[in-house]
Amino acid sequence: MNIKKTIFEGEGVTLDFKKTITSCEKIARTMVSFANNKGGRLLIGVADDGSIKGVKSEDEERYMITRAAQMFSKPALEPKFEEIYVDDKLVLVVEIPESDTKPHYALAEDGKWWVYVRVKDKSVLASKIVVDVLRHSADNKGVLIEYSTKEKALLQYLDEKRRINVQEYCKLLKLSRRSAQRILVNMVLSGVLRIHTTEKEEYYTAA
């Protein structure tokens, strides 16, 4: 890999820079978000601004990554390591492939397990709907959609307004949040709807 070119492209959905690893909880969050998405790479020894600082203790960084992958991620992850020297400075490249056993959870500081997904250059807490979509998409089971008045009303609304969130869907048809979530999950899995997750909100559009 051309590491300077990769760094120049900047952090994003599949790339994250870490000057050093300071917390198993934080790095587990990033690795889990990669595994739950399309996979990604961590460049250890690179600052947020893209400047190459180099790894001071490669063994220590490997230990922290491996510990986070095995003890702070569930199911456990298997990172792949590669060492690259740039101007006599060592950059540790950690590759996290896309998982086929989604969703993966990361252990937080509060002792609870949470699912994270990658949104741009951030690892964001996944909603219940996203967790259900990850879980069912990993099952590879087809979803049979019965177009009741609830589904038809949703598609009609999207035809006019272009987008909808859970609260708006609940209000539209006077549904409980659980019922609305179940319908949305099935429609995302069947490819009828597309889910959009941002740092501030989550909404749906017709696929």
N, C-alpha and C. Protein backbone atom coordinates (compact mmCIF):
# COMPACT_ATOMS: atom_id res chain seq x y z
N MET A 1 0.84 -1.20 0.00
CA MET A 1 0.00 0.00 0.00
C MET A 1 0.88 1.26 0.00
N ASN A 2 0.41 2.29 -0.67
CA ASN A 2 1.11 3.57 -0.67
C ASN A 2 0.60 4.36 0.53
N ILE A 3 1.36 4.28 1.64
CA ILE A 3 0.85 4.82 2.90
C ILE A 3 0.70 6.34 2.87
N LYS A 4 1.63 7.03 2.19
CA LYS A 4 1.52 8.50 2.14
C LYS A 4 0.26 8.93 1.38
N LYS A 5 -0.04 8.21 0.30
CA LYS A 5 -1.25 8.50 -0.48
C LYS A 5 -2.50 8.22 0.37
N THR A 6 -2.46 7.10 1.11
CA THR A 6 -3.58 6.72 1.98
C THR A 6 -3.82 7.79 3.04
N ILE A 7 -2.74 8.25 3.67
CA ILE A 7 -2.85 9.29 4.70
C ILE A 7 -3.40 10.58 4.11
N PHE A 8 -2.93 10.90 2.89
CA PHE A 8 -3.37 12.14 2.23
C PHE A 8 -4.88 12.13 2.00
N GLU A 9 -5.45 10.94 1.76
CA GLU A 9 -6.90 10.83 1.53
C GLU A 9 -7.70 11.17 2.78
N GLY A 10 -7.06 11.02 3.94
CA GLY A 10 -7.70 11.42 5.21
C GLY A 10 -8.59 10.36 5.82
N GLU A 11 -8.94 10.60 7.08
CA GLU A 11 -9.79 9.66 7.81
C GLU A 11 -11.19 9.61 7.17
N GLY A 12 -11.81 8.45 7.27
CA GLY A 12 -13.14 8.31 6.67
C GLY A 12 -13.80 7.03 7.13
N VAL A 13 -14.71 6.54 6.32
CA VAL A 13 -15.50 5.35 6.68
C VAL A 13 -14.60 4.13 6.90
N THR A 14 -13.52 4.01 6.13
CA THR A 14 -12.68 2.81 6.22
C THR A 14 -11.25 3.11 6.69
N LEU A 15 -11.02 4.30 7.24
CA LEU A 15 -9.66 4.65 7.67
C LEU A 15 -9.69 5.52 8.92
N ASP A 16 -8.81 5.16 9.89
CA ASP A 16 -8.73 5.93 11.13
C ASP A 16 -7.27 6.07 11.55
N PHE A 17 -6.87 7.26 11.99
CA PHE A 17 -5.50 7.50 12.46
C PHE A 17 -5.47 7.48 13.98
N LYS A 18 -4.43 6.86 14.54
CA LYS A 18 -4.20 6.89 15.98
C LYS A 18 -2.73 7.16 16.23
N LYS A 19 -2.45 8.22 16.98
CA LYS A 19 -1.06 8.53 17.31
C LYS A 19 -0.49 7.42 18.20
N THR A 20 -1.34 6.99 19.15
CA THR A 20 -1.00 5.87 20.03
C THR A 20 -2.30 5.30 20.60
N ILE A 21 -2.26 4.09 21.11
CA ILE A 21 -3.46 3.48 21.70
C ILE A 21 -3.44 3.75 23.21
N THR A 22 -4.45 4.44 23.69
CA THR A 22 -4.50 4.79 25.12
C THR A 22 -5.58 4.04 25.88
N SER A 23 -6.54 3.45 25.16
CA SER A 23 -7.66 2.81 25.83
C SER A 23 -8.19 1.65 25.01
N CYS A 24 -8.34 0.49 25.65
CA CYS A 24 -8.90 -0.69 24.95
C CYS A 24 -10.36 -0.44 24.57
N GLU A 25 -11.10 0.26 25.46
CA GLU A 25 -12.51 0.53 25.18
C GLU A 25 -12.66 1.38 23.92
N LYS A 26 -11.86 2.43 23.81
CA LYS A 26 -11.99 3.34 22.66
C LYS A 26 -11.59 2.67 21.35
N ILE A 27 -10.51 1.91 21.36
CA ILE A 27 -10.05 1.28 20.12
C ILE A 27 -10.98 0.13 19.72
N ALA A 28 -11.58 -0.54 20.72
CA ALA A 28 -12.55 -1.60 20.42
C ALA A 28 -13.75 -1.02 19.68
N ARG A 29 -14.16 0.17 20.08
CA ARG A 29 -15.28 0.87 19.44
C ARG A 29 -15.02 1.08 17.94
N THR A 30 -13.80 1.54 17.65
CA THR A 30 -13.45 1.79 16.25
C THR A 30 -13.38 0.49 15.46
N MET A 31 -12.75 -0.53 16.04
CA MET A 31 -12.61 -1.81 15.33
C MET A 31 -13.97 -2.47 15.09
N VAL A 32 -14.84 -2.41 16.08
CA VAL A 32 -16.19 -2.98 15.95
C VAL A 32 -16.98 -2.24 14.87
N SER A 33 -16.83 -0.91 14.83
CA SER A 33 -17.56 -0.14 13.80
C SER A 33 -17.09 -0.51 12.39
N PHE A 34 -15.79 -0.80 12.24
CA PHE A 34 -15.27 -1.27 10.94
C PHE A 34 -15.86 -2.64 10.59
N ALA A 35 -15.82 -3.57 11.55
CA ALA A 35 -16.31 -4.94 11.32
C ALA A 35 -17.79 -4.95 10.97
N ASN A 36 -18.56 -4.04 11.58
CA ASN A 36 -20.00 -3.96 11.32
C ASN A 36 -20.32 -3.25 10.01
N ASN A 37 -19.28 -2.61 9.43
CA ASN A 37 -19.48 -1.89 8.17
C ASN A 37 -18.81 -2.67 7.04
N LYS A 38 -17.97 -2.03 6.27
CA LYS A 38 -17.30 -2.68 5.14
C LYS A 38 -15.85 -3.03 5.45
N GLY A 39 -15.49 -3.00 6.75
CA GLY A 39 -14.09 -3.22 7.13
C GLY A 39 -13.34 -1.90 7.13
N GLY A 40 -12.08 -1.93 7.58
CA GLY A 40 -11.31 -0.69 7.59
C GLY A 40 -9.90 -0.89 8.11
N ARG A 41 -9.13 0.19 8.08
CA ARG A 41 -7.73 0.15 8.53
C ARG A 41 -7.47 1.20 9.59
N LEU A 42 -6.69 0.79 10.59
CA LEU A 42 -6.18 1.72 11.60
C LEU A 42 -4.71 1.96 11.28
N LEU A 43 -4.29 3.21 11.27
CA LEU A 43 -2.87 3.53 11.11
C LEU A 43 -2.37 4.04 12.45
N ILE A 44 -1.60 3.19 13.14
CA ILE A 44 -1.08 3.57 14.46
C ILE A 44 0.28 4.24 14.28
N GLY A 45 0.42 5.41 14.91
CA GLY A 45 1.66 6.18 14.74
C GLY A 45 1.44 7.37 13.82
N VAL A 46 0.15 7.62 13.50
CA VAL A 46 -0.22 8.76 12.65
C VAL A 46 -1.17 9.65 13.43
N ALA A 47 -0.86 10.94 13.52
CA ALA A 47 -1.69 11.89 14.27
C ALA A 47 -2.95 12.24 13.46
N ASP A 48 -3.93 12.85 14.14
CA ASP A 48 -5.19 13.21 13.50
C ASP A 48 -5.00 14.11 12.28
N ASP A 49 -3.97 14.95 12.31
CA ASP A 49 -3.74 15.85 11.17
C ASP A 49 -2.97 15.17 10.03
N GLY A 50 -2.68 13.85 10.18
CA GLY A 50 -2.01 13.11 9.11
C GLY A 50 -0.50 13.09 9.21
N SER A 51 0.05 13.79 10.21
CA SER A 51 1.52 13.79 10.36
C SER A 51 1.98 12.45 10.95
N ILE A 52 3.09 11.93 10.40
CA ILE A 52 3.60 10.62 10.83
C ILE A 52 4.52 10.80 12.04
N LYS A 53 4.08 10.27 13.19
CA LYS A 53 4.84 10.38 14.43
C LYS A 53 5.66 9.11 14.70
N GLY A 54 5.16 7.99 14.17
CA GLY A 54 5.84 6.72 14.40
C GLY A 54 5.41 6.08 15.71
N VAL A 55 5.53 4.77 15.76
CA VAL A 55 5.15 3.99 16.94
C VAL A 55 6.36 3.87 17.86
N LYS A 56 6.17 4.21 19.13
CA LYS A 56 7.29 4.13 20.09
C LYS A 56 7.54 2.69 20.52
N SER A 57 6.45 2.00 20.88
CA SER A 57 6.59 0.60 21.32
C SER A 57 5.61 -0.27 20.55
N GLU A 58 6.13 -0.93 19.52
CA GLU A 58 5.27 -1.74 18.65
C GLU A 58 4.59 -2.87 19.42
N ASP A 59 5.35 -3.52 20.33
CA ASP A 59 4.81 -4.64 21.11
C ASP A 59 3.63 -4.19 21.97
N GLU A 60 3.78 -3.01 22.57
CA GLU A 60 2.72 -2.49 23.44
C GLU A 60 1.46 -2.18 22.64
N GLU A 61 1.62 -1.58 21.46
CA GLU A 61 0.47 -1.25 20.62
C GLU A 61 -0.23 -2.54 20.14
N ARG A 62 0.55 -3.52 19.73
CA ARG A 62 -0.01 -4.81 19.30
C ARG A 62 -0.79 -5.46 20.44
N TYR A 63 -0.21 -5.40 21.64
CA TYR A 63 -0.85 -6.00 22.81
C TYR A 63 -2.20 -5.34 23.07
N MET A 64 -2.24 -4.00 23.03
CA MET A 64 -3.49 -3.26 23.29
C MET A 64 -4.55 -3.59 22.23
N ILE A 65 -4.13 -3.63 20.96
CA ILE A 65 -5.07 -3.95 19.87
C ILE A 65 -5.62 -5.37 20.03
N THR A 66 -4.72 -6.32 20.27
CA THR A 66 -5.13 -7.73 20.40
C THR A 66 -6.05 -7.91 21.60
N ARG A 67 -5.72 -7.25 22.71
CA ARG A 67 -6.56 -7.34 23.92
C ARG A 67 -7.96 -6.75 23.65
N ALA A 68 -7.97 -5.60 22.99
CA ALA A 68 -9.26 -4.96 22.66
C ALA A 68 -10.08 -5.84 21.72
N ALA A 69 -9.41 -6.47 20.76
CA ALA A 69 -10.10 -7.32 19.78
C ALA A 69 -10.68 -8.57 20.41
N GLN A 70 -9.97 -9.12 21.42
CA GLN A 70 -10.40 -10.39 22.01
C GLN A 70 -11.27 -10.24 23.25
N MET A 71 -10.96 -9.23 24.08
CA MET A 71 -11.66 -9.11 25.37
C MET A 71 -12.67 -7.96 25.42
N PHE A 72 -12.54 -7.00 24.53
CA PHE A 72 -13.44 -5.85 24.55
C PHE A 72 -14.36 -5.82 23.33
N SER A 73 -14.30 -6.88 22.51
CA SER A 73 -15.16 -6.99 21.33
C SER A 73 -15.88 -8.33 21.39
N LYS A 74 -17.14 -8.33 21.04
CA LYS A 74 -17.94 -9.56 21.10
C LYS A 74 -18.88 -9.61 19.90
N PRO A 75 -18.83 -10.68 19.05
CA PRO A 75 -17.80 -11.73 19.01
C PRO A 75 -16.40 -11.13 18.80
N ALA A 76 -15.39 -11.88 19.23
CA ALA A 76 -14.01 -11.40 19.13
C ALA A 76 -13.61 -11.14 17.68
N LEU A 77 -12.70 -10.19 17.50
CA LEU A 77 -12.21 -9.84 16.16
C LEU A 77 -10.81 -10.39 15.95
N GLU A 78 -10.41 -10.53 14.69
CA GLU A 78 -9.07 -11.01 14.37
C GLU A 78 -8.36 -9.99 13.49
N PRO A 79 -7.72 -8.99 14.10
CA PRO A 79 -7.03 -7.98 13.31
C PRO A 79 -5.79 -8.53 12.62
N LYS A 80 -5.45 -7.97 11.46
CA LYS A 80 -4.22 -8.35 10.74
C LYS A 80 -3.25 -7.18 10.83
N PHE A 81 -1.99 -7.49 11.15
CA PHE A 81 -0.98 -6.44 11.35
C PHE A 81 0.01 -6.38 10.19
N GLU A 82 0.44 -5.15 9.91
CA GLU A 82 1.49 -4.95 8.92
C GLU A 82 2.36 -3.77 9.39
N GLU A 83 3.67 -3.93 9.26
CA GLU A 83 4.59 -2.85 9.66
C GLU A 83 5.10 -2.14 8.42
N ILE A 84 5.00 -0.81 8.42
CA ILE A 84 5.50 -0.03 7.29
C ILE A 84 6.38 1.10 7.83
N TYR A 85 7.58 1.19 7.27
CA TYR A 85 8.48 2.28 7.68
C TYR A 85 8.35 3.44 6.70
N VAL A 86 8.17 4.63 7.26
CA VAL A 86 8.10 5.85 6.45
C VAL A 86 9.11 6.84 7.04
N ASP A 87 10.12 7.18 6.26
CA ASP A 87 11.17 8.11 6.73
C ASP A 87 11.72 7.68 8.10
N ASP A 88 12.07 6.40 8.21
CA ASP A 88 12.63 5.82 9.44
C ASP A 88 11.66 5.78 10.62
N LYS A 89 10.37 6.04 10.36
CA LYS A 89 9.37 5.95 11.43
C LYS A 89 8.45 4.78 11.15
N LEU A 90 8.15 4.02 12.19
CA LEU A 90 7.32 2.83 12.03
C LEU A 90 5.84 3.16 12.18
N VAL A 91 5.06 2.80 11.16
CA VAL A 91 3.60 2.90 11.23
C VAL A 91 3.04 1.48 11.29
N LEU A 92 2.22 1.22 12.29
CA LEU A 92 1.60 -0.10 12.42
C LEU A 92 0.22 -0.04 11.77
N VAL A 93 0.05 -0.84 10.72
CA VAL A 93 -1.24 -0.88 10.01
C VAL A 93 -2.05 -2.06 10.54
N VAL A 94 -3.26 -1.76 11.00
CA VAL A 94 -4.14 -2.80 11.54
C VAL A 94 -5.36 -2.90 10.66
N GLU A 95 -5.53 -4.07 10.04
CA GLU A 95 -6.68 -4.25 9.13
C GLU A 95 -7.79 -5.03 9.82
N ILE A 96 -8.99 -4.49 9.77
CA ILE A 96 -10.18 -5.16 10.33
C ILE A 96 -11.11 -5.47 9.16
N PRO A 97 -11.23 -6.74 8.77
CA PRO A 97 -12.11 -7.06 7.64
C PRO A 97 -13.59 -6.93 8.00
N GLU A 98 -14.42 -6.78 6.99
CA GLU A 98 -15.87 -6.80 7.22
C GLU A 98 -16.24 -8.17 7.78
N SER A 99 -17.09 -8.18 8.78
CA SER A 99 -17.45 -9.43 9.46
C SER A 99 -18.66 -10.09 8.80
N ASP A 100 -18.68 -11.42 8.89
CA ASP A 100 -19.89 -12.14 8.45
C ASP A 100 -20.66 -12.66 9.67
N THR A 101 -20.28 -12.17 10.87
CA THR A 101 -21.02 -12.54 12.10
C THR A 101 -21.47 -11.27 12.82
N LYS A 102 -22.06 -10.35 12.06
CA LYS A 102 -22.56 -9.10 12.64
C LYS A 102 -23.83 -9.36 13.46
N PRO A 103 -24.13 -8.52 14.44
CA PRO A 103 -23.39 -7.33 14.85
C PRO A 103 -22.31 -7.66 15.88
N HIS A 104 -21.25 -6.85 15.89
CA HIS A 104 -20.22 -6.94 16.92
C HIS A 104 -20.47 -5.85 17.96
N TYR A 105 -20.22 -6.19 19.21
CA TYR A 105 -20.42 -5.26 20.32
C TYR A 105 -19.06 -4.86 20.90
N ALA A 106 -18.98 -3.63 21.42
CA ALA A 106 -17.76 -3.19 22.11
C ALA A 106 -18.11 -2.94 23.57
N LEU A 107 -17.19 -3.33 24.47
CA LEU A 107 -17.40 -3.13 25.90
C LEU A 107 -17.06 -1.69 26.26
N ALA A 108 -18.03 -0.98 26.83
CA ALA A 108 -17.84 0.43 27.18
C ALA A 108 -17.33 0.58 28.61
N GLU A 109 -16.96 1.81 28.95
CA GLU A 109 -16.44 2.10 30.29
C GLU A 109 -17.48 1.81 31.38
N ASP A 110 -18.78 1.85 31.01
CA ASP A 110 -19.83 1.59 32.01
C ASP A 110 -20.10 0.09 32.20
N GLY A 111 -19.29 -0.76 31.53
CA GLY A 111 -19.44 -2.21 31.69
C GLY A 111 -20.52 -2.81 30.81
N LYS A 112 -21.13 -1.99 29.94
CA LYS A 112 -22.18 -2.50 29.04
C LYS A 112 -21.61 -2.69 27.63
N TRP A 113 -22.27 -3.58 26.89
CA TRP A 113 -21.86 -3.87 25.51
C TRP A 113 -22.76 -3.10 24.55
N TRP A 114 -22.14 -2.37 23.60
CA TRP A 114 -22.89 -1.57 22.65
C TRP A 114 -22.40 -1.84 21.22
N VAL A 115 -23.32 -1.67 20.27
CA VAL A 115 -22.99 -1.85 18.85
C VAL A 115 -22.65 -0.48 18.25
N TYR A 116 -21.57 -0.44 17.48
CA TYR A 116 -21.17 0.81 16.81
C TYR A 116 -21.07 0.58 15.31
N VAL A 117 -21.37 1.63 14.56
CA VAL A 117 -21.21 1.60 13.10
C VAL A 117 -20.38 2.81 12.69
N ARG A 118 -19.81 2.73 11.52
CA ARG A 118 -18.94 3.81 11.04
C ARG A 118 -19.76 4.80 10.21
N VAL A 119 -19.73 6.05 10.61
CA VAL A 119 -20.39 7.13 9.86
C VAL A 119 -19.33 8.19 9.58
N LYS A 120 -18.96 8.32 8.29
CA LYS A 120 -17.85 9.20 7.88
C LYS A 120 -16.60 8.80 8.66
N ASP A 121 -16.04 9.72 9.47
CA ASP A 121 -14.81 9.37 10.19
C ASP A 121 -15.06 9.14 11.68
N LYS A 122 -16.32 8.83 12.04
CA LYS A 122 -16.68 8.62 13.45
C LYS A 122 -17.27 7.23 13.66
N SER A 123 -17.09 6.71 14.87
CA SER A 123 -17.74 5.47 15.28
C SER A 123 -18.96 5.84 16.10
N VAL A 124 -20.14 5.55 15.56
CA VAL A 124 -21.39 6.05 16.13
C VAL A 124 -22.20 4.89 16.72
N LEU A 125 -22.82 5.14 17.86
CA LEU A 125 -23.68 4.14 18.50
C LEU A 125 -24.84 3.79 17.57
N ALA A 126 -25.05 2.49 17.36
CA ALA A 126 -26.10 2.04 16.44
C ALA A 126 -27.46 2.04 17.12
N SER A 127 -28.49 2.40 16.36
CA SER A 127 -29.86 2.34 16.89
C SER A 127 -30.33 0.88 16.92
N LYS A 128 -31.45 0.66 17.58
CA LYS A 128 -32.01 -0.70 17.64
C LYS A 128 -32.31 -1.23 16.23
N ILE A 129 -32.80 -0.33 15.37
CA ILE A 129 -33.13 -0.75 14.00
C ILE A 129 -31.88 -1.20 13.26
N VAL A 130 -30.79 -0.43 13.37
CA VAL A 130 -29.54 -0.80 12.70
C VAL A 130 -29.02 -2.13 13.25
N VAL A 131 -29.10 -2.33 14.56
CA VAL A 131 -28.66 -3.60 15.17
C VAL A 131 -29.47 -4.76 14.60
N ASP A 132 -30.79 -4.59 14.50
CA ASP A 132 -31.65 -5.65 13.95
C ASP A 132 -31.33 -5.92 12.49
N VAL A 133 -31.07 -4.86 11.72
CA VAL A 133 -30.72 -5.03 10.30
C VAL A 133 -29.40 -5.80 10.18
N LEU A 134 -28.40 -5.44 11.00
CA LEU A 134 -27.11 -6.15 10.98
C LEU A 134 -27.30 -7.61 11.34
N ARG A 135 -28.10 -7.86 12.37
CA ARG A 135 -28.32 -9.23 12.84
C ARG A 135 -28.98 -10.08 11.77
N HIS A 136 -30.02 -9.55 11.16
CA HIS A 136 -30.77 -10.33 10.17
C HIS A 136 -30.04 -10.43 8.83
N SER A 137 -29.28 -9.40 8.47
CA SER A 137 -28.54 -9.47 7.20
C SER A 137 -27.44 -10.52 7.29
N ALA A 138 -26.90 -10.74 8.51
CA ALA A 138 -25.88 -11.78 8.70
C ALA A 138 -26.49 -13.18 8.59
N ASP A 139 -27.80 -13.29 8.85
CA ASP A 139 -28.48 -14.59 8.76
C ASP A 139 -28.64 -15.06 7.32
N ASN A 140 -28.61 -14.10 6.38
CA ASN A 140 -28.80 -14.39 4.95
C ASN A 140 -30.15 -15.04 4.66
N LYS A 141 -31.14 -14.72 5.46
CA LYS A 141 -32.47 -15.26 5.22
C LYS A 141 -33.30 -14.22 4.48
N GLY A 142 -34.01 -14.65 3.49
CA GLY A 142 -34.85 -13.71 2.75
C GLY A 142 -35.99 -13.21 3.61
N VAL A 143 -36.45 -12.02 3.31
CA VAL A 143 -37.57 -11.43 4.06
C VAL A 143 -38.76 -11.29 3.11
N LEU A 144 -39.87 -11.83 3.53
CA LEU A 144 -41.09 -11.73 2.73
C LEU A 144 -41.90 -10.55 3.22
N ILE A 145 -42.11 -9.59 2.35
CA ILE A 145 -42.86 -8.39 2.72
C ILE A 145 -44.30 -8.52 2.26
N GLU A 146 -45.22 -8.36 3.20
CA GLU A 146 -46.63 -8.29 2.83
C GLU A 146 -47.02 -6.83 2.85
N TYR A 147 -47.46 -6.31 1.72
CA TYR A 147 -47.78 -4.89 1.64
C TYR A 147 -49.17 -4.62 2.20
N SER A 148 -49.18 -4.37 3.50
CA SER A 148 -50.44 -3.99 4.15
C SER A 148 -50.60 -2.48 3.98
N THR A 149 -51.66 -1.94 4.57
CA THR A 149 -51.89 -0.49 4.49
C THR A 149 -50.74 0.28 5.14
N LYS A 150 -50.07 -0.33 6.11
CA LYS A 150 -48.97 0.35 6.82
C LYS A 150 -47.78 0.58 5.88
N GLU A 151 -47.42 -0.45 5.12
CA GLU A 151 -46.31 -0.31 4.17
C GLU A 151 -46.67 0.64 3.02
N LYS A 152 -47.90 0.50 2.54
CA LYS A 152 -48.34 1.35 1.43
C LYS A 152 -48.35 2.83 1.83
N ALA A 153 -48.82 3.09 3.04
CA ALA A 153 -48.88 4.48 3.53
C ALA A 153 -47.47 5.06 3.66
N LEU A 154 -46.55 4.22 4.09
CA LEU A 154 -45.15 4.67 4.23
C LEU A 154 -44.56 5.04 2.87
N LEU A 155 -44.76 4.18 1.87
CA LEU A 155 -44.21 4.45 0.54
C LEU A 155 -44.88 5.66 -0.11
N GLN A 156 -46.16 5.84 0.18
CA GLN A 156 -46.89 7.00 -0.34
C GLN A 156 -46.32 8.28 0.27
N TYR A 157 -46.06 8.23 1.57
CA TYR A 157 -45.47 9.38 2.29
C TYR A 157 -44.10 9.72 1.70
N LEU A 158 -43.30 8.69 1.45
CA LEU A 158 -41.95 8.90 0.91
C LEU A 158 -41.99 9.45 -0.51
N ASP A 159 -43.04 9.08 -1.24
CA ASP A 159 -43.20 9.58 -2.61
C ASP A 159 -43.37 11.10 -2.60
N GLU A 160 -44.01 11.59 -1.54
CA GLU A 160 -44.27 13.03 -1.43
C GLU A 160 -43.15 13.76 -0.69
N LYS A 161 -42.73 13.21 0.45
CA LYS A 161 -41.80 13.92 1.35
C LYS A 161 -40.34 13.50 1.19
N ARG A 162 -40.11 12.38 0.50
CA ARG A 162 -38.74 11.88 0.21
C ARG A 162 -38.05 11.19 1.39
N ARG A 163 -38.34 11.57 2.64
CA ARG A 163 -37.66 10.94 3.78
C ARG A 163 -38.57 10.90 4.99
N ILE A 164 -38.25 9.96 5.92
CA ILE A 164 -39.07 9.82 7.13
C ILE A 164 -38.19 9.26 8.24
N ASN A 165 -38.51 9.59 9.49
CA ASN A 165 -37.82 8.96 10.63
C ASN A 165 -38.82 8.14 11.43
N VAL A 166 -38.36 7.46 12.46
CA VAL A 166 -39.24 6.57 13.23
C VAL A 166 -40.38 7.34 13.86
N GLN A 167 -40.06 8.49 14.48
CA GLN A 167 -41.10 9.28 15.16
C GLN A 167 -42.20 9.69 14.19
N GLU A 168 -41.79 10.13 12.99
CA GLU A 168 -42.78 10.56 11.99
C GLU A 168 -43.65 9.40 11.52
N TYR A 169 -43.03 8.22 11.40
CA TYR A 169 -43.80 7.04 10.97
C TYR A 169 -44.80 6.61 12.05
N CYS A 170 -44.37 6.66 13.31
CA CYS A 170 -45.27 6.33 14.43
C CYS A 170 -46.48 7.27 14.43
N LYS A 171 -46.19 8.56 14.24
CA LYS A 171 -47.25 9.59 14.26
C LYS A 171 -48.18 9.44 13.06
N LEU A 172 -47.60 9.13 11.90
CA LEU A 172 -48.37 9.00 10.66
C LEU A 172 -49.48 7.96 10.78
N LEU A 173 -49.14 6.81 11.37
CA LEU A 173 -50.11 5.70 11.43
C LEU A 173 -50.52 5.31 12.85
N LYS A 174 -50.13 6.19 13.83
CA LYS A 174 -50.45 5.92 15.25
C LYS A 174 -49.97 4.52 15.66
N LEU A 175 -48.71 4.24 15.30
CA LEU A 175 -48.10 2.94 15.62
C LEU A 175 -47.27 3.03 16.90
N SER A 176 -47.11 1.90 17.57
CA SER A 176 -46.15 1.86 18.69
C SER A 176 -44.75 1.88 18.07
N ARG A 177 -43.77 2.32 18.86
CA ARG A 177 -42.40 2.40 18.34
C ARG A 177 -41.91 1.01 17.91
N ARG A 178 -42.28 -0.01 18.67
CA ARG A 178 -41.84 -1.38 18.35
C ARG A 178 -42.39 -1.85 17.01
N SER A 179 -43.67 -1.59 16.79
CA SER A 179 -44.30 -1.99 15.50
C SER A 179 -43.65 -1.26 14.33
N ALA A 180 -43.41 0.05 14.52
CA ALA A 180 -42.79 0.85 13.46
C ALA A 180 -41.39 0.32 13.15
N GLN A 181 -40.63 0.02 14.20
CA GLN A 181 -39.26 -0.48 14.01
C GLN A 181 -39.26 -1.80 13.26
N ARG A 182 -40.19 -2.70 13.60
CA ARG A 182 -40.24 -4.02 12.95
C ARG A 182 -40.51 -3.87 11.45
N ILE A 183 -41.46 -3.00 11.10
CA ILE A 183 -41.79 -2.78 9.69
C ILE A 183 -40.59 -2.19 8.95
N LEU A 184 -39.95 -1.19 9.56
CA LEU A 184 -38.80 -0.54 8.92
C LEU A 184 -37.64 -1.52 8.71
N VAL A 185 -37.37 -2.35 9.71
CA VAL A 185 -36.29 -3.36 9.58
C VAL A 185 -36.57 -4.27 8.40
N ASN A 186 -37.79 -4.79 8.30
CA ASN A 186 -38.13 -5.71 7.20
C ASN A 186 -38.02 -5.03 5.83
N MET A 187 -38.41 -3.77 5.79
CA MET A 187 -38.36 -3.07 4.50
C MET A 187 -36.93 -2.70 4.09
N VAL A 188 -36.08 -2.46 5.08
CA VAL A 188 -34.64 -2.23 4.78
C VAL A 188 -34.02 -3.54 4.29
N LEU A 189 -34.31 -4.63 5.00
CA LEU A 189 -33.72 -5.93 4.63
C LEU A 189 -34.19 -6.41 3.25
N SER A 190 -35.40 -6.05 2.88
CA SER A 190 -35.92 -6.49 1.59
C SER A 190 -35.46 -5.58 0.44
N GLY A 191 -34.74 -4.50 0.80
CA GLY A 191 -34.21 -3.61 -0.23
C GLY A 191 -35.18 -2.55 -0.70
N VAL A 192 -36.33 -2.42 -0.01
CA VAL A 192 -37.33 -1.42 -0.40
C VAL A 192 -36.95 -0.04 0.14
N LEU A 193 -36.39 -0.03 1.36
CA LEU A 193 -35.96 1.22 1.99
C LEU A 193 -34.46 1.25 2.15
N ARG A 194 -33.94 2.48 2.21
CA ARG A 194 -32.52 2.67 2.51
C ARG A 194 -32.42 3.43 3.83
N ILE A 195 -31.56 2.96 4.72
CA ILE A 195 -31.39 3.61 6.02
C ILE A 195 -30.20 4.56 5.95
N HIS A 196 -30.36 5.74 6.52
CA HIS A 196 -29.30 6.75 6.54
C HIS A 196 -28.98 7.10 7.99
N THR A 197 -27.77 6.83 8.43
CA THR A 197 -27.36 7.15 9.79
C THR A 197 -26.38 8.30 9.75
N THR A 198 -26.66 9.34 10.51
CA THR A 198 -25.72 10.45 10.67
C THR A 198 -25.41 10.56 12.16
N GLU A 199 -24.52 11.48 12.52
CA GLU A 199 -24.21 11.65 13.94
C GLU A 199 -25.40 12.20 14.72
N LYS A 200 -26.29 12.92 14.03
CA LYS A 200 -27.39 13.58 14.73
C LYS A 200 -28.73 12.87 14.60
N GLU A 201 -28.93 12.15 13.49
CA GLU A 201 -30.25 11.55 13.29
C GLU A 201 -30.16 10.32 12.39
N GLU A 202 -31.30 9.63 12.31
CA GLU A 202 -31.40 8.47 11.44
C GLU A 202 -32.72 8.59 10.68
N TYR A 203 -32.68 8.40 9.36
CA TYR A 203 -33.90 8.54 8.58
C TYR A 203 -33.90 7.52 7.45
N TYR A 204 -35.03 7.44 6.74
CA TYR A 204 -35.22 6.41 5.71
C TYR A 204 -35.71 7.07 4.42
N THR A 205 -35.22 6.51 3.30
CA THR A 205 -35.69 6.94 1.99
C THR A 205 -36.03 5.69 1.19
N ALA A 206 -36.78 5.87 0.09
CA ALA A 206 -37.06 4.74 -0.80
C ALA A 206 -35.75 4.34 -1.48
N ALA A 207 -35.54 3.03 -1.62
CA ALA A 207 -34.27 2.55 -2.21
C ALA A 207 -34.24 2.80 -3.70
